[in-house]
Amino acid sequence: QVQLVESGGGLVQPGGSLKLSCAASGVFFSTYAMSWYRQAPGKQRELVASISSGRITNYEDSVKGRFSISRDNAKNMVYLQMNSLKPEDTALYYCNTKVGIPLQEYWGQGIQVTVSS
């Protein structure tokens, strides 16, 4: 059973930084792409960043240059370093992966990030 557990969220002032972590279990971690999504109140869930098994990264336009996704295959961890945070980054952030044939999608429980003064 695939499990994803996020940590590291919280309240931060505008311009501040946070680092989200996602611990994965039950999956041959290094084989699969990992992603971070977010959902703000009243908005659809959106892809924030993804990293392939080969460490190719992709970012949503509004976070380019501010957020950085990385992975540690030895620890089955994926991270999202968030710098220069803005109030519009406030959302519930989710760790995500798709594994297997056919692909099955798995989500973490979500973790709150609030950017406010």
Protein backbone atom coordinates (compact mmCIF):
# COMPACT_ATOMS: atom_id res chain seq x y z
CA GLN A 1 0.00 0.00 0.00
CA VAL A 2 1.45 3.34 -1.08
CA GLN A 3 1.51 5.98 1.62
CA LEU A 4 2.58 9.61 1.32
CA VAL A 5 2.99 11.76 4.42
CA GLU A 6 3.67 15.48 4.20
CA SER A 7 5.32 17.63 6.84
CA GLY A 8 6.84 21.09 7.23
CA GLY A 9 3.90 23.39 6.62
CA GLY A 10 2.86 26.31 8.78
CA LEU A 11 2.46 30.05 8.99
CA VAL A 12 5.10 32.30 7.45
CA GLN A 13 5.32 36.00 6.69
CA PRO A 14 5.43 37.25 3.09
CA GLY A 15 8.95 36.94 1.74
CA GLY A 16 9.73 34.06 4.05
CA SER A 17 10.64 30.46 3.33
CA LEU A 18 9.32 26.99 4.13
CA LYS A 19 10.48 23.53 3.18
CA LEU A 20 7.87 20.82 2.72
CA SER A 21 8.81 17.17 3.00
CA CYS A 22 6.98 14.07 1.77
CA ALA A 23 7.85 10.61 3.03
CA ALA A 24 6.85 7.78 0.69
CA SER A 25 6.40 4.13 1.57
CA GLY A 26 5.08 1.05 -0.18
CA VAL A 27 6.51 2.07 -3.55
CA PHE A 28 9.73 1.48 -5.40
CA PHE A 29 10.36 5.16 -4.96
CA SER A 30 13.24 5.82 -7.33
CA THR A 31 11.25 4.51 -10.30
CA TYR A 32 8.43 7.04 -10.25
CA ALA A 33 7.87 10.74 -10.72
CA MET A 34 6.77 12.72 -7.69
CA SER A 35 4.73 15.90 -7.62
CA TRP A 36 3.48 18.65 -5.36
CA TYR A 37 -0.02 20.05 -5.87
CA ARG A 38 -1.86 22.76 -3.99
CA GLN A 39 -5.44 23.81 -3.49
CA ALA A 40 -6.48 27.22 -2.23
CA PRO A 41 -9.98 27.84 -0.84
CA GLY A 42 -12.50 28.10 -3.65
CA LYS A 43 -9.98 27.10 -6.31
CA GLN A 44 -9.15 23.93 -8.18
CA ARG A 45 -6.19 21.82 -7.21
CA GLU A 46 -3.18 22.74 -9.34
CA LEU A 47 0.19 21.20 -10.08
CA VAL A 48 2.98 23.19 -8.45
CA ALA A 49 6.08 21.16 -9.28
CA SER A 50 7.11 17.70 -10.39
CA ILE A 51 10.33 15.71 -10.55
CA SER A 52 10.87 12.66 -12.72
CA SER A 53 12.78 9.53 -11.81
CA GLY A 54 15.67 11.09 -13.73
CA ARG A 55 15.39 14.31 -11.70
CA ILE A 56 13.92 16.37 -14.53
CA THR A 57 11.87 19.12 -12.90
CA ASN A 58 8.86 21.10 -13.99
CA TYR A 59 7.21 24.11 -12.32
CA GLU A 60 4.00 26.04 -12.52
CA ASP A 61 4.73 29.49 -13.92
CA SER A 62 3.91 31.46 -10.79
CA VAL A 63 6.47 29.57 -8.67
CA LYS A 64 9.36 29.43 -11.14
CA GLY A 65 12.49 30.91 -9.60
CA ARG A 66 11.00 30.75 -6.09
CA PHE A 67 10.24 27.05 -5.48
CA SER A 68 12.57 24.10 -5.91
CA ILE A 69 11.61 20.42 -5.91
CA SER A 70 14.13 17.72 -5.07
CA ARG A 71 14.20 14.06 -4.12
CA ASP A 72 16.36 11.75 -2.02
CA ASN A 73 15.88 8.23 -3.33
CA ALA A 74 17.91 6.70 -0.50
CA LYS A 75 15.43 8.10 2.03
CA ASN A 76 12.25 7.83 -0.10
CA MET A 77 11.73 11.55 0.36
CA VAL A 78 10.67 14.40 -1.88
CA TYR A 79 11.00 18.05 -0.89
CA LEU A 80 9.61 21.40 -1.91
CA GLN A 81 11.74 24.38 -0.94
CA MET A 82 9.59 27.49 -1.09
CA ASN A 83 11.28 30.90 -1.00
CA SER A 84 9.98 34.45 -1.39
CA LEU A 85 6.55 33.27 -0.34
CA LYS A 86 3.53 35.37 -1.24
CA PRO A 87 0.03 35.48 0.26
CA GLU A 88 -1.26 33.86 -2.93
CA ASP A 89 0.85 30.79 -2.14
CA THR A 90 -1.49 30.10 0.77
CA ALA A 91 -3.06 26.70 0.17
CA LEU A 92 -3.25 23.08 1.22
CA TYR A 93 -0.24 21.36 -0.34
CA TYR A 94 -0.37 17.71 -1.41
CA CYS A 95 2.28 15.18 -2.30
CA ASN A 96 1.36 12.99 -5.27
CA THR A 97 2.61 10.06 -7.27
CA LYS A 98 1.30 7.76 -9.98
CA VAL A 99 2.50 4.17 -9.97
CA GLY A 100 1.83 0.85 -11.59
CA ILE A 101 0.30 -0.40 -14.82
CA PRO A 102 -2.37 0.83 -15.21
CA LEU A 103 -1.29 3.96 -13.39
CA GLN A 104 -2.86 4.49 -10.00
CA GLU A 105 -2.70 7.87 -8.35
CA TYR A 106 -1.88 8.40 -4.69
CA TRP A 107 -2.16 11.49 -2.52
CA GLY A 108 -0.89 12.54 0.85
CA GLN A 109 -3.27 13.95 3.44
CA GLY A 110 -2.26 17.51 2.63
CA ILE A 111 -0.50 20.13 4.72
CA GLN A 112 -1.44 23.75 5.24
CA VAL A 113 0.82 26.60 4.16
CA THR A 114 -0.33 30.07 5.19
CA VAL A 115 1.51 33.19 4.07
CA SER A 116 0.34 36.19 6.05
CA SER A 117 1.66 39.13 8.02
